[in-house]
Amino acid sequence: MRTNKKIMMVFSLLFVLFIGIGFSSISSAACPGDGPAKPVSNVTYLGGYVDEEDNHIYMAVGVMGYGTDYVFINGDRVRPDTSRTEFIVLSCTGADGFVYHFDCGTAIKGKTYTLEGRFESLNHPYNSMSFSHSETY
C-alpha cells in the first residue's frame, strides 16, 4: 500500500487528537511538562509509506510518553529516523509523545515487511508496551 507524506501527517494528527485527548483536560496552572518524564501509555502503529526520493519504505509508530525503543523490521533491529521524528505537545512545556518513522529499507514490490517491538518507560512504573504490524507492498 502506498501513501505519501501528507497522508502520514493526517495519521499523526489523528493520533494526537484521539490518543492525546485524555491530556486535554489538564489545566495550564499545573504543567506536567515541568515534572518527570511521563511513562509510556500508548503505542500505536500509524501506517507505512514509500518515500519517492529514496525509494525506502517507512513505517510510523505513535508513542505517548517517554521510553526506550526495541524495534525490529523482519527480525533486524532498527532505530527511528531522527530527522523524521515528530513531537506531540499537548500541554505546557516538553513533548508528551512522539511519532517515530522507521526506515524499513528499499521498497520491494510484493515483499512483506513486519515491524514489531516494544517501548519501555524511562520512569516509574517502568512499564513496557508492545506492537506488531505486517504489511505487503
Protein backbone atom coordinates (compact mmCIF):
# COMPACT_ATOMS: atom_id res chain seq x y z
CA MET A 1 0.00 0.00 0.00
CA ARG A 2 1.47 3.35 -0.98
CA THR A 3 0.71 6.51 0.93
CA ASN A 4 2.51 9.80 0.80
CA LYS A 5 3.92 12.10 3.46
CA LYS A 6 0.78 14.27 3.55
CA ILE A 7 -1.36 11.28 4.45
CA MET A 8 1.13 10.36 7.20
CA MET A 9 0.77 13.87 8.61
CA VAL A 10 -3.01 13.31 8.76
CA PHE A 11 -2.44 10.00 10.58
CA SER A 12 -0.15 11.81 13.02
CA LEU A 13 -2.74 14.50 13.67
CA LEU A 14 -5.47 11.90 14.22
CA PHE A 15 -3.19 10.08 16.65
CA VAL A 16 -2.72 13.28 18.64
CA LEU A 17 -6.44 14.04 18.64
CA PHE A 18 -7.68 10.60 19.64
CA ILE A 19 -4.88 9.21 21.83
CA GLY A 20 -3.94 12.51 23.44
CA ILE A 21 -7.49 13.56 24.24
CA GLY A 22 -7.03 12.38 27.82
CA PHE A 23 -4.46 15.12 28.34
CA SER A 24 -6.73 17.88 27.06
CA SER A 25 -8.42 18.47 30.43
CA ILE A 26 -5.14 19.35 32.15
CA SER A 27 -5.21 22.95 33.29
CA SER A 28 -2.38 25.26 32.33
CA ALA A 29 -1.84 26.04 36.03
CA ALA A 30 -0.39 22.56 36.57
CA CYS A 31 2.28 21.95 33.95
CA PRO A 32 3.01 18.23 33.74
CA GLY A 33 5.90 19.09 31.41
CA ASP A 34 7.76 20.51 34.39
CA GLY A 35 7.89 17.14 36.21
CA PRO A 36 9.50 13.80 35.42
CA ALA A 37 9.05 12.24 32.00
CA LYS A 38 5.69 10.55 31.56
CA PRO A 39 5.72 6.74 31.31
CA VAL A 40 4.78 5.10 28.03
CA SER A 41 0.98 4.95 28.00
CA ASN A 42 0.16 4.10 24.38
CA VAL A 43 1.94 2.65 21.33
CA THR A 44 0.04 2.70 18.02
CA TYR A 45 1.05 1.67 14.50
CA LEU A 46 0.04 4.62 12.28
CA GLY A 47 0.85 3.44 8.78
CA GLY A 48 3.52 2.95 6.18
CA TYR A 49 4.59 4.86 3.09
CA VAL A 50 7.18 4.78 0.34
CA ASP A 51 9.43 7.84 0.15
CA GLU A 52 9.64 8.64 -3.56
CA GLU A 53 13.06 10.32 -3.15
CA ASP A 54 14.99 7.35 -1.73
CA ASN A 55 12.52 4.52 -2.61
CA HIS A 56 12.57 3.33 1.01
CA ILE A 57 9.59 2.11 2.98
CA TYR A 58 8.95 3.94 6.25
CA MET A 59 6.55 2.77 8.95
CA ALA A 60 5.28 5.25 11.54
CA VAL A 61 4.57 4.44 15.19
CA GLY A 62 2.94 6.87 17.64
CA VAL A 63 4.12 6.72 21.26
CA MET A 64 2.65 8.65 24.17
CA GLY A 65 5.21 9.09 26.96
CA TYR A 66 8.96 8.56 27.10
CA GLY A 67 10.67 5.22 26.64
CA THR A 68 13.49 3.23 25.13
CA ASP A 69 12.64 1.53 21.85
CA TYR A 70 13.44 -2.06 20.93
CA VAL A 71 12.09 -2.28 17.38
CA PHE A 72 12.75 -4.85 14.66
CA ILE A 73 11.95 -4.99 10.94
CA ASN A 74 11.79 -8.57 9.66
CA GLY A 75 13.89 -9.63 12.67
CA ASP A 76 16.65 -6.99 12.32
CA ARG A 77 16.99 -4.21 14.91
CA VAL A 78 16.10 -0.79 13.52
CA ARG A 79 16.31 2.70 15.02
CA PRO A 80 13.92 5.56 14.25
CA ASP A 81 14.97 8.09 11.61
CA THR A 82 15.53 11.07 13.90
CA SER A 83 15.26 13.54 11.02
CA ARG A 84 11.61 12.48 10.58
CA THR A 85 10.60 12.29 14.27
CA GLU A 86 7.54 14.40 15.11
CA PHE A 87 6.89 15.76 18.60
CA ILE A 88 3.45 15.67 20.21
CA VAL A 89 2.98 18.60 22.60
CA LEU A 90 -0.40 18.68 24.32
CA SER A 91 0.31 20.72 27.42
CA CYS A 92 2.82 23.27 28.71
CA THR A 93 6.47 22.53 28.05
CA GLY A 94 8.15 19.47 26.64
CA ALA A 95 6.85 16.70 24.45
CA ASP A 96 4.05 14.41 25.62
CA GLY A 97 4.70 11.87 22.88
CA PHE A 98 6.38 11.20 19.58
CA VAL A 99 5.69 9.87 16.10
CA TYR A 100 8.68 7.75 15.07
CA HIS A 101 9.37 6.84 11.44
CA PHE A 102 11.33 3.62 10.96
CA ASP A 103 13.31 3.09 7.74
CA CYS A 104 12.46 -0.45 6.60
CA GLY A 105 14.84 -0.43 3.64
CA THR A 106 14.39 -0.39 -0.11
CA ALA A 107 10.82 -0.89 -1.29
CA ILE A 108 10.45 -4.28 -2.97
CA LYS A 109 7.08 -4.89 -4.62
CA GLY A 110 5.33 -7.94 -3.15
CA LYS A 111 7.62 -8.16 -0.11
CA THR A 112 6.06 -8.39 3.36
CA TYR A 113 7.54 -6.09 5.98
CA THR A 114 6.95 -6.93 9.65
CA LEU A 115 7.61 -4.16 12.15
CA GLU A 116 7.43 -5.25 15.77
CA GLY A 117 8.83 -4.11 19.05
CA ARG A 118 8.29 -2.58 22.44
CA PHE A 119 8.85 0.68 24.26
CA GLU A 120 9.96 0.57 27.92
CA SER A 121 9.18 3.56 30.16
CA LEU A 122 12.15 5.56 31.44
CA ASN A 123 10.38 6.31 34.76
CA HIS A 124 8.03 4.69 37.26
CA PRO A 125 6.18 2.35 36.75
CA TYR A 126 8.83 1.20 34.21
CA ASN A 127 6.15 -0.49 32.13
CA SER A 128 6.54 -1.87 28.65
CA MET A 129 4.13 -1.68 25.70
CA SER A 130 4.45 -3.77 22.54
CA PHE A 131 3.18 -3.62 18.96
CA SER A 132 3.41 -5.68 15.80
CA HIS A 133 2.31 -4.97 12.24
CA SER A 134 2.90 -6.68 8.89
CA GLU A 135 2.25 -5.14 5.51
CA THR A 136 2.91 -6.24 1.93
CA TYR A 137 3.84 -3.58 -0.61
